[in-house]
Amino acid sequence: LAGAVTALAAAHLRGLVPATVLVAGL
């Protein structure tokens, strides 16, 4: 779970996924 959250956050911070994808993933 921690790895998945970290991967989502890192991808969002690097502009790879939008905020909506980050929220949906969380």
mmCIF file of all heavy atoms, coordinates in Angstrom:
data_MODEL
# 
_entry.id   MODEL 
# 
loop_
_atom_site.group_PDB 
_atom_site.id 
_atom_site.type_symbol 
_atom_site.label_atom_id 
_atom_site.label_alt_id 
_atom_site.label_comp_id 
_atom_site.label_asym_id 
_atom_site.label_entity_id 
_atom_site.label_seq_id 
_atom_site.pdbx_PDB_ins_code 
_atom_site.Cartn_x 
_atom_site.Cartn_y 
_atom_site.Cartn_z 
_atom_site.occupancy 
_atom_site.B_iso_or_equiv 
_atom_site.pdbx_formal_charge 
_atom_site.auth_seq_id 
_atom_site.auth_comp_id 
_atom_site.auth_asym_id 
_atom_site.auth_atom_id 
_atom_site.pdbx_PDB_model_num 
ATOM 1   N N   . LEU A 1 1  ? 0.829  -1.209 0.000   1.00 0.00 ? 1  LEU A N   1 
ATOM 2   C CA  . LEU A 1 1  ? 0.000  0.000  0.000   1.00 0.00 ? 1  LEU A CA  1 
ATOM 3   C C   . LEU A 1 1  ? 0.859  1.253  0.000   1.00 0.00 ? 1  LEU A C   1 
ATOM 4   O O   . LEU A 1 1  ? 0.599  2.211  -0.747  1.00 0.00 ? 1  LEU A O   1 
ATOM 5   C CB  . LEU A 1 1  ? -0.931 -0.011 1.214   1.00 0.00 ? 1  LEU A CB  1 
ATOM 6   C CG  . LEU A 1 1  ? -2.102 -0.996 1.184   1.00 0.00 ? 1  LEU A CG  1 
ATOM 7   C CD1 . LEU A 1 1  ? -2.803 -1.029 2.541   1.00 0.00 ? 1  LEU A CD1 1 
ATOM 8   C CD2 . LEU A 1 1  ? -3.100 -0.602 0.100   1.00 0.00 ? 1  LEU A CD2 1 
ATOM 9   N N   . ALA A 1 2  ? 1.896  1.250  0.843   1.00 0.00 ? 2  ALA A N   1 
ATOM 10  C CA  . ALA A 1 2  ? 2.783  2.418  0.891   1.00 0.00 ? 2  ALA A CA  1 
ATOM 11  C C   . ALA A 1 2  ? 3.495  2.621  -0.451  1.00 0.00 ? 2  ALA A C   1 
ATOM 12  O O   . ALA A 1 2  ? 3.659  3.756  -0.924  1.00 0.00 ? 2  ALA A O   1 
ATOM 13  C CB  . ALA A 1 2  ? 3.812  2.245  2.013   1.00 0.00 ? 2  ALA A CB  1 
ATOM 14  N N   . GLY A 1 3  ? 3.913  1.514  -1.079  1.00 0.00 ? 3  GLY A N   1 
ATOM 15  C CA  . GLY A 1 3  ? 4.571  1.623  -2.377  1.00 0.00 ? 3  GLY A CA  1 
ATOM 16  C C   . GLY A 1 3  ? 3.633  2.161  -3.437  1.00 0.00 ? 3  GLY A C   1 
ATOM 17  O O   . GLY A 1 3  ? 4.028  3.000  -4.275  1.00 0.00 ? 3  GLY A O   1 
ATOM 18  N N   . ALA A 1 4  ? 2.372  1.693  -3.422  1.00 0.00 ? 4  ALA A N   1 
ATOM 19  C CA  . ALA A 1 4  ? 1.410  2.162  -4.415  1.00 0.00 ? 4  ALA A CA  1 
ATOM 20  C C   . ALA A 1 4  ? 1.106  3.646  -4.238  1.00 0.00 ? 4  ALA A C   1 
ATOM 21  O O   . ALA A 1 4  ? 1.027  4.396  -5.220  1.00 0.00 ? 4  ALA A O   1 
ATOM 22  C CB  . ALA A 1 4  ? 0.118  1.342  -4.308  1.00 0.00 ? 4  ALA A CB  1 
ATOM 23  N N   . VAL A 1 5  ? 0.954  4.083  -2.994  1.00 0.00 ? 5  VAL A N   1 
ATOM 24  C CA  . VAL A 1 5  ? 0.701  5.504  -2.737  1.00 0.00 ? 5  VAL A CA  1 
ATOM 25  C C   . VAL A 1 5  ? 1.896  6.342  -3.170  1.00 0.00 ? 5  VAL A C   1 
ATOM 26  O O   . VAL A 1 5  ? 1.753  7.406  -3.790  1.00 0.00 ? 5  VAL A O   1 
ATOM 27  C CB  . VAL A 1 5  ? 0.380  5.733  -1.243  1.00 0.00 ? 5  VAL A CB  1 
ATOM 28  C CG1 . VAL A 1 5  ? 0.348  7.228  -0.915  1.00 0.00 ? 5  VAL A CG1 1 
ATOM 29  C CG2 . VAL A 1 5  ? -0.945 5.088  -0.886  1.00 0.00 ? 5  VAL A CG2 1 
ATOM 30  N N   . THR A 1 6  ? 3.104  5.863  -2.848  1.00 0.00 ? 6  THR A N   1 
ATOM 31  C CA  . THR A 1 6  ? 4.322  6.587  -3.236  1.00 0.00 ? 6  THR A CA  1 
ATOM 32  C C   . THR A 1 6  ? 4.433  6.691  -4.753  1.00 0.00 ? 6  THR A C   1 
ATOM 33  O O   . THR A 1 6  ? 4.776  7.757  -5.302  1.00 0.00 ? 6  THR A O   1 
ATOM 34  C CB  . THR A 1 6  ? 5.555  5.873  -2.663  1.00 0.00 ? 6  THR A CB  1 
ATOM 35  O OG1 . THR A 1 6  ? 5.429  5.776  -1.256  1.00 0.00 ? 6  THR A OG1 1 
ATOM 36  C CG2 . THR A 1 6  ? 6.828  6.641  -3.003  1.00 0.00 ? 6  THR A CG2 1 
ATOM 37  N N   . ALA A 1 7  ? 4.145  5.606  -5.460  1.00 0.00 ? 7  ALA A N   1 
ATOM 38  C CA  . ALA A 1 7  ? 4.226  5.610  -6.926  1.00 0.00 ? 7  ALA A CA  1 
ATOM 39  C C   . ALA A 1 7  ? 3.219  6.594  -7.513  1.00 0.00 ? 7  ALA A C   1 
ATOM 40  O O   . ALA A 1 7  ? 3.548  7.368  -8.446  1.00 0.00 ? 7  ALA A O   1 
ATOM 41  C CB  . ALA A 1 7  ? 3.981  4.207  -7.464  1.00 0.00 ? 7  ALA A CB  1 
ATOM 42  N N   . LEU A 1 8  ? 1.998  6.605  -6.997  1.00 0.00 ? 8  LEU A N   1 
ATOM 43  C CA  . LEU A 1 8  ? 0.986  7.546  -7.485  1.00 0.00 ? 8  LEU A CA  1 
ATOM 44  C C   . LEU A 1 8  ? 1.412  8.983  -7.244  1.00 0.00 ? 8  LEU A C   1 
ATOM 45  O O   . LEU A 1 8  ? 1.306  9.855  -8.131  1.00 0.00 ? 8  LEU A O   1 
ATOM 46  C CB  . LEU A 1 8  ? -0.353 7.273  -6.788  1.00 0.00 ? 8  LEU A CB  1 
ATOM 47  C CG  . LEU A 1 8  ? -1.250 6.187  -7.385  1.00 0.00 ? 8  LEU A CG  1 
ATOM 48  C CD1 . LEU A 1 8  ? -2.423 5.928  -6.450  1.00 0.00 ? 8  LEU A CD1 1 
ATOM 49  C CD2 . LEU A 1 8  ? -1.764 6.615  -8.765  1.00 0.00 ? 8  LEU A CD2 1 
ATOM 50  N N   . ALA A 1 9  ? 1.905  9.261  -6.035  1.00 0.00 ? 9  ALA A N   1 
ATOM 51  C CA  . ALA A 1 9  ? 2.305  10.631 -5.704  1.00 0.00 ? 9  ALA A CA  1 
ATOM 52  C C   . ALA A 1 9  ? 3.481  11.085 -6.572  1.00 0.00 ? 9  ALA A C   1 
ATOM 53  O O   . ALA A 1 9  ? 3.504  12.221 -7.065  1.00 0.00 ? 9  ALA A O   1 
ATOM 54  C CB  . ALA A 1 9  ? 2.673  10.709 -4.221  1.00 0.00 ? 9  ALA A CB  1 
ATOM 55  N N   . ALA A 1 10 ? 4.474  10.182 -6.761  1.00 0.00 ? 10 ALA A N   1 
ATOM 56  C CA  . ALA A 1 10 ? 5.637  10.532 -7.575  1.00 0.00 ? 10 ALA A CA  1 
ATOM 57  C C   . ALA A 1 10 ? 5.226  10.806 -9.026  1.00 0.00 ? 10 ALA A C   1 
ATOM 58  O O   . ALA A 1 10 ? 5.706  11.770 -9.662  1.00 0.00 ? 10 ALA A O   1 
ATOM 59  C CB  . ALA A 1 10 ? 6.670  9.410  -7.504  1.00 0.00 ? 10 ALA A CB  1 
ATOM 60  N N   . ALA A 1 11 ? 4.336  9.948  -9.547  1.00 0.00 ? 11 ALA A N   1 
ATOM 61  C CA  . ALA A 1 11 ? 3.883  10.143 -10.928 1.00 0.00 ? 11 ALA A CA  1 
ATOM 62  C C   . ALA A 1 11 ? 3.151  11.467 -11.078 1.00 0.00 ? 11 ALA A C   1 
ATOM 63  O O   . ALA A 1 11 ? 3.312  12.172 -12.092 1.00 0.00 ? 11 ALA A O   1 
ATOM 64  C CB  . ALA A 1 11 ? 2.990  8.977  -11.339 1.00 0.00 ? 11 ALA A CB  1 
ATOM 65  N N   . HIS A 1 12 ? 2.353  11.845 -10.075 1.00 0.00 ? 12 HIS A N   1 
ATOM 66  C CA  . HIS A 1 12 ? 1.637  13.114 -10.150 1.00 0.00 ? 12 HIS A CA  1 
ATOM 67  C C   . HIS A 1 12 ? 2.595  14.298 -10.065 1.00 0.00 ? 12 HIS A C   1 
ATOM 68  O O   . HIS A 1 12 ? 2.460  15.274 -10.821 1.00 0.00 ? 12 HIS A O   1 
ATOM 69  C CB  . HIS A 1 12 ? 0.613  13.188 -9.019  1.00 0.00 ? 12 HIS A CB  1 
ATOM 70  C CG  . HIS A 1 12 ? -0.070 14.514 -8.919  1.00 0.00 ? 12 HIS A CG  1 
ATOM 71  N ND1 . HIS A 1 12 ? -0.904 14.998 -9.916  1.00 0.00 ? 12 HIS A ND1 1 
ATOM 72  C CD2 . HIS A 1 12 ? -0.022 15.486 -7.966  1.00 0.00 ? 12 HIS A CD2 1 
ATOM 73  C CE1 . HIS A 1 12 ? -1.349 16.193 -9.573  1.00 0.00 ? 12 HIS A CE1 1 
ATOM 74  N NE2 . HIS A 1 12 ? -0.820 16.513 -8.388  1.00 0.00 ? 12 HIS A NE2 1 
ATOM 75  N N   . LEU A 1 13 ? 3.571  14.217 -9.151  1.00 0.00 ? 13 LEU A N   1 
ATOM 76  C CA  . LEU A 1 13 ? 4.523  15.324 -8.991  1.00 0.00 ? 13 LEU A CA  1 
ATOM 77  C C   . LEU A 1 13 ? 5.374  15.524 -10.244 1.00 0.00 ? 13 LEU A C   1 
ATOM 78  O O   . LEU A 1 13 ? 5.818  16.638 -10.535 1.00 0.00 ? 13 LEU A O   1 
ATOM 79  C CB  . LEU A 1 13 ? 5.423  15.066 -7.786  1.00 0.00 ? 13 LEU A CB  1 
ATOM 80  C CG  . LEU A 1 13 ? 4.721  15.145 -6.415  1.00 0.00 ? 13 LEU A CG  1 
ATOM 81  C CD1 . LEU A 1 13 ? 5.653  14.699 -5.302  1.00 0.00 ? 13 LEU A CD1 1 
ATOM 82  C CD2 . LEU A 1 13 ? 4.236  16.579 -6.159  1.00 0.00 ? 13 LEU A CD2 1 
ATOM 83  N N   . ARG A 1 14 ? 5.624  14.476 -10.998 1.00 0.00 ? 14 ARG A N   1 
ATOM 84  C CA  . ARG A 1 14 ? 6.409  14.573 -12.228 1.00 0.00 ? 14 ARG A CA  1 
ATOM 85  C C   . ARG A 1 14 ? 5.547  14.893 -13.447 1.00 0.00 ? 14 ARG A C   1 
ATOM 86  O O   . ARG A 1 14 ? 6.041  14.915 -14.571 1.00 0.00 ? 14 ARG A O   1 
ATOM 87  C CB  . ARG A 1 14 ? 7.161  13.267 -12.471 1.00 0.00 ? 14 ARG A CB  1 
ATOM 88  C CG  . ARG A 1 14 ? 8.236  13.012 -11.416 1.00 0.00 ? 14 ARG A CG  1 
ATOM 89  C CD  . ARG A 1 14 ? 8.924  11.692 -11.626 1.00 0.00 ? 14 ARG A CD  1 
ATOM 90  N NE  . ARG A 1 14 ? 9.910  11.441 -10.594 1.00 0.00 ? 14 ARG A NE  1 
ATOM 91  C CZ  . ARG A 1 14 ? 10.646 10.333 -10.492 1.00 0.00 ? 14 ARG A CZ  1 
ATOM 92  N NH1 . ARG A 1 14 ? 10.476 9.359  -11.392 1.00 0.00 ? 14 ARG A NH1 1 
ATOM 93  N NH2 . ARG A 1 14 ? 11.512 10.184 -9.529  1.00 0.00 ? 14 ARG A NH2 1 
ATOM 94  N N   . GLY A 1 15 ? 4.235  15.080 -13.220 1.00 0.00 ? 15 GLY A N   1 
ATOM 95  C CA  . GLY A 1 15 ? 3.346  15.449 -14.307 1.00 0.00 ? 15 GLY A CA  1 
ATOM 96  C C   . GLY A 1 15 ? 2.911  14.306 -15.185 1.00 0.00 ? 15 GLY A C   1 
ATOM 97  O O   . GLY A 1 15 ? 2.371  14.535 -16.276 1.00 0.00 ? 15 GLY A O   1 
ATOM 98  N N   . LEU A 1 16 ? 3.116  13.072 -14.720 1.00 0.00 ? 16 LEU A N   1 
ATOM 99  C CA  . LEU A 1 16 ? 2.756  11.916 -15.533 1.00 0.00 ? 16 LEU A CA  1 
ATOM 100 C C   . LEU A 1 16 ? 1.273  11.572 -15.426 1.00 0.00 ? 16 LEU A C   1 
ATOM 101 O O   . LEU A 1 16 ? 0.712  10.971 -16.351 1.00 0.00 ? 16 LEU A O   1 
ATOM 102 C CB  . LEU A 1 16 ? 3.602  10.704 -15.116 1.00 0.00 ? 16 LEU A CB  1 
ATOM 103 C CG  . LEU A 1 16 ? 5.113  10.876 -15.293 1.00 0.00 ? 16 LEU A CG  1 
ATOM 104 C CD1 . LEU A 1 16 ? 5.847  9.648  -14.788 1.00 0.00 ? 16 LEU A CD1 1 
ATOM 105 C CD2 . LEU A 1 16 ? 5.452  11.144 -16.766 1.00 0.00 ? 16 LEU A CD2 1 
ATOM 106 N N   . VAL A 1 17 ? 0.643  11.873 -14.259 1.00 0.00 ? 17 VAL A N   1 
ATOM 107 C CA  . VAL A 1 17 ? -0.789 11.605 -14.095 1.00 0.00 ? 17 VAL A CA  1 
ATOM 108 C C   . VAL A 1 17 ? -1.445 12.862 -13.535 1.00 0.00 ? 17 VAL A C   1 
ATOM 109 O O   . VAL A 1 17 ? -0.853 13.573 -12.703 1.00 0.00 ? 17 VAL A O   1 
ATOM 110 C CB  . VAL A 1 17 ? -1.050 10.410 -13.151 1.00 0.00 ? 17 VAL A CB  1 
ATOM 111 C CG1 . VAL A 1 17 ? -0.480 9.131  -13.726 1.00 0.00 ? 17 VAL A CG1 1 
ATOM 112 C CG2 . VAL A 1 17 ? -0.480 10.664 -11.776 1.00 0.00 ? 17 VAL A CG2 1 
ATOM 113 N N   . PRO A 1 18 ? -2.659 13.191 -13.980 1.00 0.00 ? 18 PRO A N   1 
ATOM 114 C CA  . PRO A 1 18 ? -3.362 14.368 -13.442 1.00 0.00 ? 18 PRO A CA  1 
ATOM 115 C C   . PRO A 1 18 ? -3.864 14.129 -12.025 1.00 0.00 ? 18 PRO A C   1 
ATOM 116 O O   . PRO A 1 18 ? -3.872 13.001 -11.525 1.00 0.00 ? 18 PRO A O   1 
ATOM 117 C CB  . PRO A 1 18 ? -4.520 14.566 -14.418 1.00 0.00 ? 18 PRO A CB  1 
ATOM 118 C CG  . PRO A 1 18 ? -4.781 13.198 -14.973 1.00 0.00 ? 18 PRO A CG  1 
ATOM 119 C CD  . PRO A 1 18 ? -3.438 12.515 -15.035 1.00 0.00 ? 18 PRO A CD  1 
ATOM 120 N N   . ALA A 1 19 ? -4.323 15.202 -11.390 1.00 0.00 ? 19 ALA A N   1 
ATOM 121 C CA  . ALA A 1 19 ? -4.809 15.122 -10.003 1.00 0.00 ? 19 ALA A CA  1 
ATOM 122 C C   . ALA A 1 19 ? -6.002 14.185 -9.883  1.00 0.00 ? 19 ALA A C   1 
ATOM 123 O O   . ALA A 1 19 ? -6.148 13.474 -8.871  1.00 0.00 ? 19 ALA A O   1 
ATOM 124 C CB  . ALA A 1 19 ? -5.169 16.516 -9.492  1.00 0.00 ? 19 ALA A CB  1 
ATOM 125 N N   . THR A 1 20 ? -6.862 14.164 -10.912 1.00 0.00 ? 20 THR A N   1 
ATOM 126 C CA  . THR A 1 20 ? -8.042 13.290 -10.830 1.00 0.00 ? 20 THR A CA  1 
ATOM 127 C C   . THR A 1 20 ? -7.643 11.822 -10.757 1.00 0.00 ? 20 THR A C   1 
ATOM 128 O O   . THR A 1 20 ? -8.255 11.036 -10.023 1.00 0.00 ? 20 THR A O   1 
ATOM 129 C CB  . THR A 1 20 ? -8.947 13.508 -12.052 1.00 0.00 ? 20 THR A CB  1 
ATOM 130 O OG1 . THR A 1 20 ? -8.155 13.391 -13.257 1.00 0.00 ? 20 THR A OG1 1 
ATOM 131 C CG2 . THR A 1 20 ? -9.591 14.891 -12.016 1.00 0.00 ? 20 THR A CG2 1 
ATOM 132 N N   . VAL A 1 21 ? -6.606 11.433 -11.495 1.00 0.00 ? 21 VAL A N   1 
ATOM 133 C CA  . VAL A 1 21 ? -6.126 10.047 -11.455 1.00 0.00 ? 21 VAL A CA  1 
ATOM 134 C C   . VAL A 1 21 ? -5.513 9.739  -10.087 1.00 0.00 ? 21 VAL A C   1 
ATOM 135 O O   . VAL A 1 21 ? -5.700 8.651  -9.524  1.00 0.00 ? 21 VAL A O   1 
ATOM 136 C CB  . VAL A 1 21 ? -5.111 9.797  -12.581 1.00 0.00 ? 21 VAL A CB  1 
ATOM 137 C CG1 . VAL A 1 21 ? -4.504 8.400  -12.459 1.00 0.00 ? 21 VAL A CG1 1 
ATOM 138 C CG2 . VAL A 1 21 ? -5.769 9.966  -13.938 1.00 0.00 ? 21 VAL A CG2 1 
ATOM 139 N N   . LEU A 1 22 ? -4.763 10.725 -9.529  1.00 0.00 ? 22 LEU A N   1 
ATOM 140 C CA  . LEU A 1 22 ? -4.190 10.547 -8.198  1.00 0.00 ? 22 LEU A CA  1 
ATOM 141 C C   . LEU A 1 22 ? -5.287 10.297 -7.162  1.00 0.00 ? 22 LEU A C   1 
ATOM 142 O O   . LEU A 1 22 ? -5.214 9.350  -6.374  1.00 0.00 ? 22 LEU A O   1 
ATOM 143 C CB  . LEU A 1 22 ? -3.376 11.788 -7.815  1.00 0.00 ? 22 LEU A CB  1 
ATOM 144 C CG  . LEU A 1 22 ? -2.873 11.829 -6.370  1.00 0.00 ? 22 LEU A CG  1 
ATOM 145 C CD1 . LEU A 1 22 ? -1.864 10.721 -6.116  1.00 0.00 ? 22 LEU A CD1 1 
ATOM 146 C CD2 . LEU A 1 22 ? -2.267 13.196 -6.044  1.00 0.00 ? 22 LEU A CD2 1 
ATOM 147 N N   . VAL A 1 23 ? -6.318 11.148 -7.166  1.00 0.00 ? 23 VAL A N   1 
ATOM 148 C CA  . VAL A 1 23 ? -7.409 11.005 -6.191  1.00 0.00 ? 23 VAL A CA  1 
ATOM 149 C C   . VAL A 1 23 ? -8.143 9.686  -6.403  1.00 0.00 ? 23 VAL A C   1 
ATOM 150 O O   . VAL A 1 23 ? -8.448 8.958  -5.440  1.00 0.00 ? 23 VAL A O   1 
ATOM 151 C CB  . VAL A 1 23 ? -8.378 12.203 -6.297  1.00 0.00 ? 23 VAL A CB  1 
ATOM 152 C CG1 . VAL A 1 23 ? -9.613 11.970 -5.433  1.00 0.00 ? 23 VAL A CG1 1 
ATOM 153 C CG2 . VAL A 1 23 ? -7.684 13.484 -5.881  1.00 0.00 ? 23 VAL A CG2 1 
ATOM 154 N N   . ALA A 1 24 ? -8.431 9.355  -7.667  1.00 0.00 ? 24 ALA A N   1 
ATOM 155 C CA  . ALA A 1 24 ? -9.137 8.099  -7.945  1.00 0.00 ? 24 ALA A CA  1 
ATOM 156 C C   . ALA A 1 24 ? -8.313 6.899  -7.480  1.00 0.00 ? 24 ALA A C   1 
ATOM 157 O O   . ALA A 1 24 ? -8.852 5.934  -6.913  1.00 0.00 ? 24 ALA A O   1 
ATOM 158 C CB  . ALA A 1 24 ? -9.434 7.995  -9.437  1.00 0.00 ? 24 ALA A CB  1 
ATOM 159 N N   . GLY A 1 25 ? -6.998 6.949  -7.699  1.00 0.00 ? 25 GLY A N   1 
ATOM 160 C CA  . GLY A 1 25 ? -6.137 5.857  -7.257  1.00 0.00 ? 25 GLY A CA  1 
ATOM 161 C C   . GLY A 1 25 ? -6.117 5.711  -5.747  1.00 0.00 ? 25 GLY A C   1 
ATOM 162 O O   . GLY A 1 25 ? -6.161 4.593  -5.218  1.00 0.00 ? 25 GLY A O   1 
ATOM 163 N N   . LEU A 1 26 ? -6.042 6.849  -5.028  1.00 0.00 ? 26 LEU A N   1 
ATOM 164 C CA  . LEU A 1 26 ? -6.053 6.806  -3.562  1.00 0.00 ? 26 LEU A CA  1 
ATOM 165 C C   . LEU A 1 26 ? -7.378 6.245  -3.045  1.00 0.00 ? 26 LEU A C   1 
ATOM 166 O O   . LEU A 1 26 ? -7.400 5.442  -2.111  1.00 0.00 ? 26 LEU A O   1 
ATOM 167 C CB  . LEU A 1 26 ? -5.798 8.199  -2.987  1.00 0.00 ? 26 LEU A CB  1 
ATOM 168 C CG  . LEU A 1 26 ? -4.400 8.790  -3.230  1.00 0.00 ? 26 LEU A CG  1 
ATOM 169 C CD1 . LEU A 1 26 ? -4.326 10.213 -2.720  1.00 0.00 ? 26 LEU A CD1 1 
ATOM 170 C CD2 . LEU A 1 26 ? -3.340 7.937  -2.549  1.00 0.00 ? 26 LEU A CD2 1 
# 
